[in-house]
Amino acid sequence: MKIFVKVKPRSREAAVEKTGPNQFQVKVKAPPKEGKANQEMIEALALHFGVSKSRVTILSGLKSNQKIVNIED
């Protein structure tokens, strides 16, 4: 499943919110440095969808807060 994600780094709490069809906002506590926010986003999405972290991959937007993410079923 391909989803569109907006990441909000340095948030007070980590959360995954659905904002539309196949659109999510992921709040992470980590700063956007050295891939820490991306890693925390992957962990949050894996937990939200009930899959392992290895099944969540960033297709585009690696250095942007707007990302396209693939989640394998």
PDB file of N, CA and C in Angstrom:
ATOM      1  N   MET A   1       0.851  -1.164   0.000  1.00  0.00           N
ATOM      2  CA  MET A   1       0.000   0.000   0.000  1.00  0.00           C
ATOM      3  C   MET A   1       0.900   1.231   0.000  1.00  0.00           C
ATOM      4  N   LYS A   2       0.609   2.163  -0.866  1.00  0.00           N
ATOM      5  CA  LYS A   2       1.371   3.392  -0.970  1.00  0.00           C
ATOM      6  C   LYS A   2       0.603   4.496  -0.246  1.00  0.00           C
ATOM      7  N   ILE A   3       1.290   5.212   0.665  1.00  0.00           N
ATOM      8  CA  ILE A   3       0.639   6.297   1.394  1.00  0.00           C
ATOM      9  C   ILE A   3       1.480   7.565   1.293  1.00  0.00           C
ATOM     10  N   PHE A   4       0.820   8.688   1.490  1.00  0.00           N
ATOM     11  CA  PHE A   4       1.479   9.984   1.506  1.00  0.00           C
ATOM     12  C   PHE A   4       1.578  10.429   2.959  1.00  0.00           C
ATOM     13  N   VAL A   5       2.770  10.842   3.361  1.00  0.00           N
ATOM     14  CA  VAL A   5       3.017  11.157   4.764  1.00  0.00           C
ATOM     15  C   VAL A   5       3.631  12.541   4.892  1.00  0.00           C
ATOM     16  N   LYS A   6       3.113  13.315   5.849  1.00  0.00           N
ATOM     17  CA  LYS A   6       3.742  14.571   6.236  1.00  0.00           C
ATOM     18  C   LYS A   6       4.326  14.339   7.618  1.00  0.00           C
ATOM     19  N   VAL A   7       5.619  14.571   7.752  1.00  0.00           N
ATOM     20  CA  VAL A   7       6.310  14.328   9.019  1.00  0.00           C
ATOM     21  C   VAL A   7       6.514  15.647   9.749  1.00  0.00           C
ATOM     22  N   LYS A   8       6.211  15.643  11.046  1.00  0.00           N
ATOM     23  CA  LYS A   8       6.456  16.805  11.898  1.00  0.00           C
ATOM     24  C   LYS A   8       7.506  16.415  12.932  1.00  0.00           C
ATOM     25  N   PRO A   9       8.775  16.756  12.685  1.00  0.00           N
ATOM     26  CA  PRO A   9       9.826  16.428  13.649  1.00  0.00           C
ATOM     27  C   PRO A   9       9.773  17.347  14.867  1.00  0.00           C
ATOM     28  N   ARG A  10      10.468  16.943  15.923  1.00  0.00           N
ATOM     29  CA  ARG A  10      10.560  17.704  17.174  1.00  0.00           C
ATOM     30  C   ARG A  10       9.194  17.974  17.800  1.00  0.00           C
ATOM     31  N   SER A  11       8.272  17.042  17.671  1.00  0.00           N
ATOM     32  CA  SER A  11       6.951  17.186  18.289  1.00  0.00           C
ATOM     33  C   SER A  11       7.036  16.791  19.758  1.00  0.00           C
ATOM     34  N   ARG A  12       6.063  17.249  20.531  1.00  0.00           N
ATOM     35  CA  ARG A  12       6.038  16.915  21.962  1.00  0.00           C
ATOM     36  C   ARG A  12       5.771  15.434  22.182  1.00  0.00           C
ATOM     37  N   GLU A  13       4.924  14.861  21.340  1.00  0.00           N
ATOM     38  CA  GLU A  13       4.607  13.439  21.473  1.00  0.00           C
ATOM     39  C   GLU A  13       4.563  12.796  20.097  1.00  0.00           C
ATOM     40  N   ALA A  14       4.868  11.517  20.049  1.00  0.00           N
ATOM     41  CA  ALA A  14       4.819  10.776  18.789  1.00  0.00           C
ATOM     42  C   ALA A  14       3.387  10.331  18.527  1.00  0.00           C
ATOM     43  N   ALA A  15       2.922  10.513  17.290  1.00  0.00           N
ATOM     44  CA  ALA A  15       1.552  10.134  16.945  1.00  0.00           C
ATOM     45  C   ALA A  15       1.421   9.951  15.447  1.00  0.00           C
ATOM     46  N   VAL A  16       0.449   9.110  15.058  1.00  0.00           N
ATOM     47  CA  VAL A  16       0.101   8.908  13.652  1.00  0.00           C
ATOM     48  C   VAL A  16      -1.361   9.292  13.503  1.00  0.00           C
ATOM     49  N   GLU A  17      -1.638  10.254  12.611  1.00  0.00           N
ATOM     50  CA  GLU A  17      -3.008  10.717  12.390  1.00  0.00           C
ATOM     51  C   GLU A  17      -3.361  10.580  10.917  1.00  0.00           C
ATOM     52  N   LYS A  18      -4.541  10.061  10.641  1.00  0.00           N
ATOM     53  CA  LYS A  18      -5.020   9.965   9.263  1.00  0.00           C
ATOM     54  C   LYS A  18      -5.644  11.309   8.899  1.00  0.00           C
ATOM     55  N   THR A  19      -5.196  11.901   7.791  1.00  0.00           N
ATOM     56  CA  THR A  19      -5.694  13.208   7.381  1.00  0.00           C
ATOM     57  C   THR A  19      -6.536  13.143   6.117  1.00  0.00           C
ATOM     58  N   GLY A  20      -6.584  11.982   5.477  1.00  0.00           N
ATOM     59  CA  GLY A  20      -7.361  11.810   4.255  1.00  0.00           C
ATOM     60  C   GLY A  20      -7.151  10.406   3.733  1.00  0.00           C
ATOM     61  N   PRO A  21      -7.740  10.111   2.572  1.00  0.00           N
ATOM     62  CA  PRO A  21      -7.531   8.774   2.006  1.00  0.00           C
ATOM     63  C   PRO A  21      -6.051   8.587   1.629  1.00  0.00           C
ATOM     64  N   ASN A  22      -5.425   7.584   2.231  1.00  0.00           N
ATOM     65  CA  ASN A  22      -4.000   7.291   2.012  1.00  0.00           C
ATOM     66  C   ASN A  22      -3.082   8.452   2.378  1.00  0.00           C
ATOM     67  N   GLN A  23      -3.538   9.337   3.269  1.00  0.00           N
ATOM     68  CA  GLN A  23      -2.724  10.463   3.719  1.00  0.00           C
ATOM     69  C   GLN A  23      -2.642  10.450   5.240  1.00  0.00           C
ATOM     70  N   PHE A  24      -1.424  10.603   5.740  1.00  0.00           N
ATOM     71  CA  PHE A  24      -1.191  10.562   7.175  1.00  0.00           C
ATOM     72  C   PHE A  24      -0.250  11.677   7.588  1.00  0.00           C
ATOM     73  N   GLN A  25      -0.400  12.111   8.827  1.00  0.00           N
ATOM     74  CA  GLN A  25       0.553  13.016   9.443  1.00  0.00           C
ATOM     75  C   GLN A  25       1.199  12.248  10.586  1.00  0.00           C
ATOM     76  N   VAL A  26       2.522  12.217  10.590  1.00  0.00           N
ATOM     77  CA  VAL A  26       3.251  11.493  11.629  1.00  0.00           C
ATOM     78  C   VAL A  26       4.076  12.502  12.417  1.00  0.00           C
ATOM     79  N   LYS A  27       3.802  12.577  13.710  1.00  0.00           N
ATOM     80  CA  LYS A  27       4.569  13.444  14.601  1.00  0.00           C
ATOM     81  C   LYS A  27       5.628  12.591  15.280  1.00  0.00           C
ATOM     82  N   VAL A  28       6.868  13.071  15.240  1.00  0.00           N
ATOM     83  CA  VAL A  28       7.971  12.349  15.872  1.00  0.00           C
ATOM     84  C   VAL A  28       8.745  13.303  16.773  1.00  0.00           C
ATOM     85  N   LYS A  29       9.346  12.757  17.805  1.00  0.00           N
ATOM     86  CA  LYS A  29      10.113  13.567  18.753  1.00  0.00           C
ATOM     87  C   LYS A  29      11.516  13.880  18.243  1.00  0.00           C
ATOM     88  N   ALA A  30      12.037  13.046  17.379  1.00  0.00           N
ATOM     89  CA  ALA A  30      13.417  13.167  16.902  1.00  0.00           C
ATOM     90  C   ALA A  30      13.593  14.386  15.995  1.00  0.00           C
ATOM     91  N   PRO A  31      14.793  14.973  16.004  1.00  0.00           N
ATOM     92  CA  PRO A  31      15.087  16.072  15.080  1.00  0.00           C
ATOM     93  C   PRO A  31      15.360  15.521  13.682  1.00  0.00           C
ATOM     94  N   PRO A  32      15.207  16.367  12.663  1.00  0.00           N
ATOM     95  CA  PRO A  32      15.445  15.895  11.286  1.00  0.00           C
ATOM     96  C   PRO A  32      16.934  15.891  10.929  1.00  0.00           C
ATOM     97  N   LYS A  33      17.724  15.184  11.705  1.00  0.00           N
ATOM     98  CA  LYS A  33      19.167  15.112  11.463  1.00  0.00           C
ATOM     99  C   LYS A  33      19.606  13.658  11.448  1.00  0.00           C
ATOM    100  N   GLU A  34      20.498  13.343  10.519  1.00  0.00           N
ATOM    101  CA  GLU A  34      21.103  12.013  10.403  1.00  0.00           C
ATOM    102  C   GLU A  34      20.071  10.898  10.273  1.00  0.00           C
ATOM    103  N   GLY A  35      18.910  11.197   9.695  1.00  0.00           N
ATOM    104  CA  GLY A  35      17.886  10.187   9.453  1.00  0.00           C
ATOM    105  C   GLY A  35      17.119   9.746  10.685  1.00  0.00           C
ATOM    106  N   LYS A  36      17.298  10.447  11.808  1.00  0.00           N
ATOM    107  CA  LYS A  36      16.635  10.042  13.051  1.00  0.00           C
ATOM    108  C   LYS A  36      15.124  10.195  12.961  1.00  0.00           C
ATOM    109  N   ALA A  37      14.650  11.284  12.361  1.00  0.00           N
ATOM    110  CA  ALA A  37      13.202  11.486  12.224  1.00  0.00           C
ATOM    111  C   ALA A  37      12.609  10.450  11.268  1.00  0.00           C
ATOM    112  N   ASN A  38      13.327  10.131  10.198  1.00  0.00           N
ATOM    113  CA  ASN A  38      12.848   9.104   9.261  1.00  0.00           C
ATOM    114  C   ASN A  38      12.741   7.748   9.950  1.00  0.00           C
ATOM    115  N   GLN A  39      13.741   7.404  10.749  1.00  0.00           N
ATOM    116  CA  GLN A  39      13.726   6.113  11.440  1.00  0.00           C
ATOM    117  C   GLN A  39      12.570   6.047  12.432  1.00  0.00           C
ATOM    118  N   GLU A  40      12.346   7.135  13.154  1.00  0.00           N
ATOM    119  CA  GLU A  40      11.238   7.161  14.111  1.00  0.00           C
ATOM    120  C   GLU A  40       9.890   7.103  13.390  1.00  0.00           C
ATOM    121  N   MET A  41       9.798   7.749  12.215  1.00  0.00           N
ATOM    122  CA  MET A  41       8.567   7.690  11.425  1.00  0.00           C
ATOM    123  C   MET A  41       8.295   6.258  10.968  1.00  0.00           C
ATOM    124  N   ILE A  42       9.332   5.554  10.514  1.00  0.00           N
ATOM    125  CA  ILE A  42       9.178   4.162  10.081  1.00  0.00           C
ATOM    126  C   ILE A  42       8.690   3.301  11.242  1.00  0.00           C
ATOM    127  N   GLU A  43       9.272   3.498  12.422  1.00  0.00           N
ATOM    128  CA  GLU A  43       8.855   2.734  13.600  1.00  0.00           C
ATOM    129  C   GLU A  43       7.398   3.017  13.956  1.00  0.00           C
ATOM    130  N   ALA A  44       6.990   4.295  13.892  1.00  0.00           N
ATOM    131  CA  ALA A  44       5.616   4.669  14.229  1.00  0.00           C
ATOM    132  C   ALA A  44       4.621   4.080  13.230  1.00  0.00           C
ATOM    133  N   LEU A  45       4.949   4.124  11.938  1.00  0.00           N
ATOM    134  CA  LEU A  45       4.049   3.569  10.925  1.00  0.00           C
ATOM    135  C   LEU A  45       3.965   2.045  11.031  1.00  0.00           C
ATOM    136  N   ALA A  46       5.084   1.392  11.310  1.00  0.00           N
ATOM    137  CA  ALA A  46       5.078  -0.065  11.468  1.00  0.00           C
ATOM    138  C   ALA A  46       4.185  -0.467  12.637  1.00  0.00           C
ATOM    139  N   LEU A  47       4.275   0.252  13.732  1.00  0.00           N
ATOM    140  CA  LEU A  47       3.438  -0.031  14.893  1.00  0.00           C
ATOM    141  C   LEU A  47       1.970   0.241  14.582  1.00  0.00           C
ATOM    142  N   HIS A  48       1.695   1.347  13.889  1.00  0.00           N
ATOM    143  CA  HIS A  48       0.318   1.725  13.547  1.00  0.00           C
ATOM    144  C   HIS A  48      -0.349   0.687  12.645  1.00  0.00           C
ATOM    145  N   PHE A  49       0.387   0.193  11.647  1.00  0.00           N
ATOM    146  CA  PHE A  49      -0.178  -0.759  10.690  1.00  0.00           C
ATOM    147  C   PHE A  49       0.032  -2.219  11.097  1.00  0.00           C
ATOM    148  N   GLY A  50       0.748  -2.456  12.177  1.00  0.00           N
ATOM    149  CA  GLY A  50       0.955  -3.820  12.657  1.00  0.00           C
ATOM    150  C   GLY A  50       1.849  -4.660  11.769  1.00  0.00           C
ATOM    151  N   VAL A  51       2.886  -4.047  11.219  1.00  0.00           N
ATOM    152  CA  VAL A  51       3.849  -4.766  10.379  1.00  0.00           C
ATOM    153  C   VAL A  51       5.250  -4.547  10.950  1.00  0.00           C
ATOM    154  N   SER A  52       6.213  -5.306  10.461  1.00  0.00           N
ATOM    155  CA  SER A  52       7.587  -5.111  10.916  1.00  0.00           C
ATOM    156  C   SER A  52       8.187  -3.885  10.225  1.00  0.00           C
ATOM    157  N   LYS A  53       9.225  -3.319  10.846  1.00  0.00           N
ATOM    158  CA  LYS A  53       9.863  -2.120  10.297  1.00  0.00           C
ATOM    159  C   LYS A  53      10.438  -2.368   8.907  1.00  0.00           C
ATOM    160  N   SER A  54      10.842  -3.602   8.631  1.00  0.00           N
ATOM    161  CA  SER A  54      11.436  -3.912   7.331  1.00  0.00           C
ATOM    162  C   SER A  54      10.408  -3.848   6.198  1.00  0.00           C
ATOM    163  N   ARG A  55       9.137  -3.834   6.519  1.00  0.00           N
ATOM    164  CA  ARG A  55       8.081  -3.763   5.502  1.00  0.00           C
ATOM    165  C   ARG A  55       7.667  -2.324   5.184  1.00  0.00           C
ATOM    166  N   VAL A  56       8.289  -1.355   5.840  1.00  0.00           N
ATOM    167  CA  VAL A  56       7.988   0.061   5.609  1.00  0.00           C
ATOM    168  C   VAL A  56       9.197   0.689   4.926  1.00  0.00           C
ATOM    169  N   THR A  57       9.000   1.219   3.711  1.00  0.00           N
ATOM    170  CA  THR A  57      10.099   1.838   2.974  1.00  0.00           C
ATOM    171  C   THR A  57       9.686   3.203   2.456  1.00  0.00           C
ATOM    172  N   ILE A  58      10.641   4.127   2.459  1.00  0.00           N
ATOM    173  CA  ILE A  58      10.406   5.467   1.927  1.00  0.00           C
ATOM    174  C   ILE A  58      10.717   5.435   0.436  1.00  0.00           C
ATOM    175  N   LEU A  59       9.709   5.738  -0.390  1.00  0.00           N
ATOM    176  CA  LEU A  59       9.898   5.730  -1.842  1.00  0.00           C
ATOM    177  C   LEU A  59      10.452   7.058  -2.337  1.00  0.00           C
ATOM    178  N   SER A  60       9.968   8.167  -1.777  1.00  0.00           N
ATOM    179  CA  SER A  60      10.493   9.478  -2.154  1.00  0.00           C
ATOM    180  C   SER A  60      10.327  10.440  -0.991  1.00  0.00           C
ATOM    181  N   GLY A  61      11.144  11.494  -1.002  1.00  0.00           N
ATOM    182  CA  GLY A  61      11.074  12.503   0.044  1.00  0.00           C
ATOM    183  C   GLY A  61      11.985  12.218   1.217  1.00  0.00           C
ATOM    184  N   LEU A  62      13.100  11.558   0.966  1.00  0.00           N
ATOM    185  CA  LEU A  62      14.005  11.170   2.045  1.00  0.00           C
ATOM    186  C   LEU A  62      14.483  12.374   2.862  1.00  0.00           C
ATOM    187  N   LYS A  63      14.671  13.518   2.212  1.00  0.00           N
ATOM    188  CA  LYS A  63      15.144  14.712   2.921  1.00  0.00           C
ATOM    189  C   LYS A  63      14.085  15.803   2.957  1.00  0.00           C
ATOM    190  N   SER A  64      12.828  15.412   2.877  1.00  0.00           N
ATOM    191  CA  SER A  64      11.707  16.348   2.897  1.00  0.00           C
ATOM    192  C   SER A  64      10.726  15.913   3.970  1.00  0.00           C
ATOM    193  N   ASN A  65       9.853  16.840   4.381  1.00  0.00           N
ATOM    194  CA  ASN A  65       8.828  16.431   5.349  1.00  0.00           C
ATOM    195  C   ASN A  65       7.615  15.827   4.645  1.00  0.00           C
ATOM    196  N   GLN A  66       7.533  15.927   3.323  1.00  0.00           N
ATOM    197  CA  GLN A  66       6.486  15.289   2.529  1.00  0.00           C
ATOM    198  C   GLN A  66       7.080  14.026   1.911  1.00  0.00           C
ATOM    199  N   LYS A  67       6.511  12.872   2.230  1.00  0.00           N
ATOM    200  CA  LYS A  67       7.084  11.614   1.773  1.00  0.00           C
ATOM    201  C   LYS A  67       6.032  10.710   1.142  1.00  0.00           C
ATOM    202  N   ILE A  68       6.492   9.833   0.279  1.00  0.00           N
ATOM    203  CA  ILE A  68       5.668   8.739  -0.224  1.00  0.00           C
ATOM    204  C   ILE A  68       6.282   7.475   0.363  1.00  0.00           C
ATOM    205  N   VAL A  69       5.452   6.709   1.074  1.00  0.00           N
ATOM    206  CA  VAL A  69       5.924   5.535   1.802  1.00  0.00           C
ATOM    207  C   VAL A  69       5.162   4.310   1.320  1.00  0.00           C
ATOM    208  N   ASN A  70       5.876   3.206   1.160  1.00  0.00           N
ATOM    209  CA  ASN A  70       5.249   1.938   0.797  1.00  0.00           C
ATOM    210  C   ASN A  70       5.209   1.041   2.027  1.00  0.00           C
ATOM    211  N   ILE A  71       4.037   0.450   2.275  1.00  0.00           N
ATOM    212  CA  ILE A  71       3.874  -0.494   3.373  1.00  0.00           C
ATOM    213  C   ILE A  71       3.440  -1.822   2.774  1.00  0.00           C
ATOM    214  N   GLU A  72       4.295  -2.830   2.900  1.00  0.00           N
ATOM    215  CA  GLU A  72       3.986  -4.160   2.371  1.00  0.00           C
ATOM    216  C   GLU A  72       3.060  -4.887   3.330  1.00  0.00           C
ATOM    217  N   ASP A  73       2.051  -5.545   2.774  1.00  0.00           N
ATOM    218  CA  ASP A  73       1.108  -6.304   3.609  1.00  0.00           C
ATOM    219  C   ASP A  73       1.656  -7.655   3.971  1.00  0.00           C
TER     220      ASP A  73
END
